[in-house]
């Protein structure tokens, strides 16, 4: 069996994850474009998907998205220019800046959440509610293991 054929018939975790991600992004950003957000691109998700409504620090966005802080800085610059976010002083630390969604950014966040929820509901209907819930639970466990989030960093008791 040729390697490319084998990977089609028995895709590994990387292939399944990338197929899912790229397809989800295509559908999400097509639908967002139809709903008034045509200039955003999947790369902007490294900021918008993790952004809190009250604002987030760039270092937190970098850690949550797995991107370098410099990449997040570039994406924030683009999103500021597009009118989706603004930088504000962090009230907890005046030296730090918060990335805060604008009204346009909040509209994008609400619509994005609704689109993802609808996509997930469609998958749950197709495979069954319990099967989908089990899939998400297991997939989260795998993702946490892969990214090291399942590690217990507390020292053992004496």
Protein backbone atom coordinates (compact mmCIF):
# COMPACT_ATOMS: atom_id res chain seq x y z
CA UNK A 1 0.00 0.00 0.00
CA UNK A 2 1.35 3.41 -0.94
CA UNK A 3 1.99 5.80 1.94
CA UNK A 4 -0.46 8.44 0.67
CA UNK A 5 -3.17 5.81 0.28
CA UNK A 6 -2.50 4.43 3.77
CA UNK A 7 -2.79 7.90 5.27
CA UNK A 8 -6.13 8.31 3.50
CA UNK A 9 -7.50 4.99 4.75
CA UNK A 10 -5.94 5.15 8.24
CA UNK A 11 -5.32 8.83 9.02
CA UNK A 12 -3.26 9.56 12.11
CA UNK A 13 -4.08 12.15 14.78
CA UNK A 14 -2.19 14.91 12.95
CA UNK A 15 -4.06 14.33 9.70
CA UNK A 16 -7.44 14.09 11.41
CA UNK A 17 -6.75 17.22 13.46
CA UNK A 18 -5.57 19.26 10.49
CA UNK A 19 -8.47 18.15 8.27
CA UNK A 20 -10.91 19.12 11.02
CA UNK A 21 -9.23 22.44 11.76
CA UNK A 22 -8.91 23.58 8.14
CA UNK A 23 -12.46 22.55 7.25
CA UNK A 24 -13.85 24.21 10.38
CA UNK A 25 -11.92 27.40 9.61
CA UNK A 26 -13.14 27.48 6.01
CA UNK A 27 -16.76 27.12 7.06
CA UNK A 28 -16.48 29.51 10.02
CA UNK A 29 -14.78 32.31 8.08
CA UNK A 30 -17.07 31.89 5.05
CA UNK A 31 -20.10 32.25 7.31
CA UNK A 32 -18.53 35.16 9.23
CA UNK A 33 -17.85 36.89 5.93
CA UNK A 34 -21.52 36.46 4.97
CA UNK A 35 -22.49 37.96 8.35
CA UNK A 36 -20.47 41.15 7.97
CA UNK A 37 -16.88 40.20 8.78
CA UNK A 38 -15.22 39.64 5.37
CA UNK A 39 -11.71 40.87 6.21
CA UNK A 40 -10.86 38.49 9.06
CA UNK A 41 -8.72 35.46 8.29
CA UNK A 42 -8.13 32.20 10.17
CA UNK A 43 -4.82 33.52 11.53
CA UNK A 44 -6.77 36.16 13.47
CA UNK A 45 -8.33 33.34 15.47
CA UNK A 46 -5.13 33.16 17.55
CA UNK A 47 -6.35 36.40 19.13
CA UNK A 48 -10.12 36.49 18.64
CA UNK A 49 -10.81 32.91 19.79
CA UNK A 50 -9.09 33.49 23.15
CA UNK A 51 -9.95 37.14 23.76
CA UNK A 52 -11.97 37.92 26.90
CA UNK A 53 -14.71 40.54 26.56
CA UNK A 54 -13.11 42.63 29.30
CA UNK A 55 -9.73 42.29 27.59
CA UNK A 56 -6.69 40.03 27.66
CA UNK A 57 -2.96 40.55 27.88
CA UNK A 58 -0.92 39.61 24.81
CA UNK A 59 1.18 37.22 26.89
CA UNK A 60 -1.98 35.34 27.93
CA UNK A 61 -3.20 35.19 24.32
CA UNK A 62 0.18 33.82 23.25
CA UNK A 63 0.13 31.15 25.96
CA UNK A 64 -3.47 30.09 25.25
CA UNK A 65 -3.09 30.00 21.46
CA UNK A 66 0.38 28.49 21.41
CA UNK A 67 1.72 31.36 19.31
CA UNK A 68 4.81 33.46 19.98
CA UNK A 69 4.18 36.84 21.60
CA UNK A 70 5.63 38.57 18.51
CA UNK A 71 3.09 36.79 16.29
CA UNK A 72 0.29 37.87 18.62
CA UNK A 73 1.62 41.44 18.50
CA UNK A 74 1.48 41.44 14.70
CA UNK A 75 -2.04 39.98 14.70
CA UNK A 76 -3.18 42.55 17.27
CA UNK A 77 -1.75 45.33 15.06
CA UNK A 78 -3.80 43.96 12.13
CA UNK A 79 -6.93 43.68 14.26
CA UNK A 80 -6.50 47.24 15.56
CA UNK A 81 -6.23 48.44 11.97
CA UNK A 82 -9.36 46.45 11.01
CA UNK A 83 -11.27 47.92 13.98
CA UNK A 84 -11.77 44.69 15.99
CA UNK A 85 -9.64 45.44 19.05
CA UNK A 86 -7.91 48.29 20.82
CA UNK A 87 -5.07 48.48 23.29
CA UNK A 88 -5.83 49.94 26.71
CA UNK A 89 -3.81 50.26 29.91
CA UNK A 90 -4.38 47.31 32.24
CA UNK A 91 -6.03 48.70 35.40
CA UNK A 92 -4.26 45.99 37.44
CA UNK A 93 -0.81 47.00 36.11
CA UNK A 94 -0.41 50.34 34.35
CA UNK A 95 2.76 49.13 32.64
CA UNK A 96 0.83 46.37 30.87
CA UNK A 97 -1.67 46.70 28.04
CA UNK A 98 -4.95 44.90 27.59
CA UNK A 99 -6.23 43.88 24.19
CA UNK A 100 -9.93 44.76 24.34
CA UNK A 101 -12.56 43.98 21.69
CA UNK A 102 -14.37 46.92 20.14
CA UNK A 103 -18.08 46.79 19.36
CA UNK A 104 -17.16 45.28 15.99
CA UNK A 105 -14.94 42.75 17.75
CA UNK A 106 -17.70 41.79 20.19
CA UNK A 107 -20.11 41.34 17.26
CA UNK A 108 -17.59 39.02 15.64
CA UNK A 109 -17.17 37.06 18.89
CA UNK A 110 -20.95 36.58 19.34
CA UNK A 111 -21.42 35.51 15.73
CA UNK A 112 -18.40 33.21 15.81
CA UNK A 113 -19.63 31.52 19.00
CA UNK A 114 -23.08 31.02 17.45
CA UNK A 115 -21.63 29.55 14.24
CA UNK A 116 -19.41 27.13 16.16
CA UNK A 117 -22.34 26.12 18.39
CA UNK A 118 -24.47 25.43 15.31
CA UNK A 119 -21.68 23.37 13.72
CA UNK A 120 -21.27 21.34 16.92
CA UNK A 121 -25.04 20.79 17.19
CA UNK A 122 -25.06 19.52 13.60
CA UNK A 123 -22.28 17.03 14.38
CA UNK A 124 -24.10 15.92 17.54
CA UNK A 125 -27.28 15.28 15.54
CA UNK A 126 -25.33 13.35 12.92
CA UNK A 127 -23.45 11.02 15.29
CA UNK A 128 -25.70 11.15 18.35
CA UNK A 129 -25.63 13.49 21.33
CA UNK A 130 -23.87 11.03 23.66
CA UNK A 131 -21.31 9.95 21.06
CA UNK A 132 -20.46 13.58 20.35
CA UNK A 133 -20.19 14.41 24.06
CA UNK A 134 -17.88 11.40 24.51
CA UNK A 135 -15.83 12.44 21.48
CA UNK A 136 -15.35 15.98 22.84
CA UNK A 137 -14.38 14.68 26.28
CA UNK A 138 -11.82 12.25 24.84
CA UNK A 139 -10.52 14.76 22.29
CA UNK A 140 -10.01 17.32 25.08
CA UNK A 141 -8.10 14.72 27.10
CA UNK A 142 -5.90 13.93 24.09
CA UNK A 143 -5.33 17.63 23.38
CA UNK A 144 -4.49 18.28 27.03
CA UNK A 145 -2.02 15.37 27.06
CA UNK A 146 -0.45 16.49 23.79
CA UNK A 147 -0.02 20.07 24.98
CA UNK A 148 1.13 19.10 28.46
CA UNK A 149 -1.91 20.56 30.20
CA UNK A 150 -2.62 17.26 31.91
CA UNK A 151 0.59 17.38 33.90
CA UNK A 152 0.21 17.89 37.60
CA UNK A 153 2.95 20.36 38.50
CA UNK A 154 2.27 20.21 42.23
CA UNK A 155 5.16 18.70 44.15
CA UNK A 156 4.54 15.34 45.81
CA UNK A 157 3.77 15.44 49.55
CA UNK A 158 6.66 14.88 51.98
